[in-house]
């Protein structure tokens, strides 16, 4: 895992990030010794978002196929939501 300290980021800026991402997909930013942030190329981020969406669609299709859904009017839905608050 490639780690960049917040101080190094502050002094070296984006060049430190670019260097850190040359050989790995993610770069961890540590603040006061604690891993706090992950930086990645936008292409990698977009790929992860697409995979997340594909997983959500698959879960929704499985729920529908198994009958785990409700058919109701908007008013009925709002009443159910308010009851669950």
C-alpha atoms as a PDB file:
ATOM      1  CA  UNK A   1       0.000   0.000   0.000  1.00  0.00           C
ATOM      2  CA  UNK A   2       1.366   3.371  -1.013  1.00  0.00           C
ATOM      3  CA  UNK A   3       1.086   5.984   1.767  1.00  0.00           C
ATOM      4  CA  UNK A   4       1.638   9.725   1.509  1.00  0.00           C
ATOM      5  CA  UNK A   5       1.753  11.874   4.624  1.00  0.00           C
ATOM      6  CA  UNK A   6      -0.316  15.033   4.814  1.00  0.00           C
ATOM      7  CA  UNK A   7       2.891  17.006   5.365  1.00  0.00           C
ATOM      8  CA  UNK A   8       4.448  15.600   2.190  1.00  0.00           C
ATOM      9  CA  UNK A   9       1.260  16.413   0.316  1.00  0.00           C
ATOM     10  CA  UNK A  10       1.341  19.949   1.668  1.00  0.00           C
ATOM     11  CA  UNK A  11       4.944  20.552   0.663  1.00  0.00           C
ATOM     12  CA  UNK A  12       5.046  18.637  -2.643  1.00  0.00           C
ATOM     13  CA  UNK A  13       1.449  19.029  -3.793  1.00  0.00           C
ATOM     14  CA  UNK A  14      -0.046  17.225  -6.752  1.00  0.00           C
ATOM     15  CA  UNK A  15       3.339  16.003  -7.952  1.00  0.00           C
ATOM     16  CA  UNK A  16       3.521  13.795  -4.841  1.00  0.00           C
ATOM     17  CA  UNK A  17       0.120  12.346  -5.676  1.00  0.00           C
ATOM     18  CA  UNK A  18       1.064  11.727  -9.299  1.00  0.00           C
ATOM     19  CA  UNK A  19       4.273  10.022  -8.213  1.00  0.00           C
ATOM     20  CA  UNK A  20       2.399   7.878  -5.693  1.00  0.00           C
ATOM     21  CA  UNK A  21      -0.080   6.719  -8.331  1.00  0.00           C
ATOM     22  CA  UNK A  22       2.548   5.725 -10.904  1.00  0.00           C
ATOM     23  CA  UNK A  23       2.783   2.110  -9.730  1.00  0.00           C
ATOM     24  CA  UNK A  24      -0.404   1.568  -7.718  1.00  0.00           C
ATOM     25  CA  UNK A  25      -4.099   2.321  -8.248  1.00  0.00           C
ATOM     26  CA  UNK A  26      -4.669   3.938  -4.856  1.00  0.00           C
ATOM     27  CA  UNK A  27      -2.718   6.291  -2.648  1.00  0.00           C
ATOM     28  CA  UNK A  28      -3.491   6.548   1.058  1.00  0.00           C
ATOM     29  CA  UNK A  29      -3.110   9.950   2.719  1.00  0.00           C
ATOM     30  CA  UNK A  30      -2.155   9.747   6.380  1.00  0.00           C
ATOM     31  CA  UNK A  31      -2.787  12.545   8.854  1.00  0.00           C
ATOM     32  CA  UNK A  32      -0.852  12.453  12.131  1.00  0.00           C
ATOM     33  CA  UNK A  33      -0.059   8.779  11.560  1.00  0.00           C
ATOM     34  CA  UNK A  34      -3.665   7.766  10.877  1.00  0.00           C
ATOM     35  CA  UNK A  35      -4.814   6.638   7.440  1.00  0.00           C
ATOM     36  CA  UNK A  36      -7.581   9.093   6.546  1.00  0.00           C
ATOM     37  CA  UNK A  37      -8.089   9.413   2.776  1.00  0.00           C
ATOM     38  CA  UNK A  38      -7.678   7.468  -0.440  1.00  0.00           C
ATOM     39  CA  UNK A  39      -6.769   9.132  -3.721  1.00  0.00           C
ATOM     40  CA  UNK A  40      -7.152   7.407  -7.078  1.00  0.00           C
ATOM     41  CA  UNK A  41      -7.277   8.258 -10.742  1.00  0.00           C
ATOM     42  CA  UNK A  42     -10.728   9.313 -11.944  1.00  0.00           C
ATOM     43  CA  UNK A  43     -10.837   6.340 -14.314  1.00  0.00           C
ATOM     44  CA  UNK A  44     -10.454   3.935 -11.375  1.00  0.00           C
ATOM     45  CA  UNK A  45     -13.081   5.835  -9.387  1.00  0.00           C
ATOM     46  CA  UNK A  46     -15.540   5.690 -12.297  1.00  0.00           C
ATOM     47  CA  UNK A  47     -14.900   1.951 -12.658  1.00  0.00           C
ATOM     48  CA  UNK A  48     -15.674   1.408  -8.962  1.00  0.00           C
ATOM     49  CA  UNK A  49     -18.874   3.464  -9.251  1.00  0.00           C
ATOM     50  CA  UNK A  50     -19.985   1.376 -12.249  1.00  0.00           C
ATOM     51  CA  UNK A  51     -19.350  -1.839 -10.313  1.00  0.00           C
ATOM     52  CA  UNK A  52     -21.320  -0.440  -7.367  1.00  0.00           C
ATOM     53  CA  UNK A  53     -24.239   0.374  -9.667  1.00  0.00           C
ATOM     54  CA  UNK A  54     -24.100  -3.076 -11.290  1.00  0.00           C
ATOM     55  CA  UNK A  55     -24.237  -4.702  -7.834  1.00  0.00           C
ATOM     56  CA  UNK A  56     -27.247  -2.559  -6.862  1.00  0.00           C
ATOM     57  CA  UNK A  57     -29.052  -3.525 -10.080  1.00  0.00           C
ATOM     58  CA  UNK A  58     -28.320  -7.216  -9.488  1.00  0.00           C
ATOM     59  CA  UNK A  59     -29.634  -6.961  -5.918  1.00  0.00           C
ATOM     60  CA  UNK A  60     -32.789  -5.211  -7.126  1.00  0.00           C
ATOM     61  CA  UNK A  61     -33.404  -7.867  -9.790  1.00  0.00           C
ATOM     62  CA  UNK A  62     -32.945 -10.632  -7.214  1.00  0.00           C
ATOM     63  CA  UNK A  63     -35.403  -8.921  -4.837  1.00  0.00           C
ATOM     64  CA  UNK A  64     -37.946  -8.557  -7.635  1.00  0.00           C
ATOM     65  CA  UNK A  65     -37.539 -12.187  -8.725  1.00  0.00           C
ATOM     66  CA  UNK A  66     -37.999 -13.346  -5.123  1.00  0.00           C
ATOM     67  CA  UNK A  67     -41.105 -11.199  -4.664  1.00  0.00           C
ATOM     68  CA  UNK A  68     -39.465  -8.873  -2.133  1.00  0.00           C
ATOM     69  CA  UNK A  69     -41.267  -5.711  -3.194  1.00  0.00           C
ATOM     70  CA  UNK A  70     -44.398  -3.742  -2.407  1.00  0.00           C
ATOM     71  CA  UNK A  71     -47.009  -2.318  -4.747  1.00  0.00           C
ATOM     72  CA  UNK A  72     -48.713   0.765  -3.307  1.00  0.00           C
ATOM     73  CA  UNK A  73     -49.835   4.277  -4.079  1.00  0.00           C
ATOM     74  CA  UNK A  74     -47.725   7.313  -3.264  1.00  0.00           C
ATOM     75  CA  UNK A  75     -50.020   8.140  -0.344  1.00  0.00           C
ATOM     76  CA  UNK A  76     -49.735   4.595   1.051  1.00  0.00           C
ATOM     77  CA  UNK A  77     -45.969   4.726   0.659  1.00  0.00           C
ATOM     78  CA  UNK A  78     -45.741   8.062   2.509  1.00  0.00           C
ATOM     79  CA  UNK A  79     -47.865   6.692   5.367  1.00  0.00           C
ATOM     80  CA  UNK A  80     -45.620   3.627   5.634  1.00  0.00           C
ATOM     81  CA  UNK A  81     -42.491   5.782   5.642  1.00  0.00           C
ATOM     82  CA  UNK A  82     -43.899   8.046   8.370  1.00  0.00           C
ATOM     83  CA  UNK A  83     -44.805   5.012  10.505  1.00  0.00           C
ATOM     84  CA  UNK A  84     -41.214   3.743  10.270  1.00  0.00           C
ATOM     85  CA  UNK A  85     -39.638   7.031  11.409  1.00  0.00           C
END
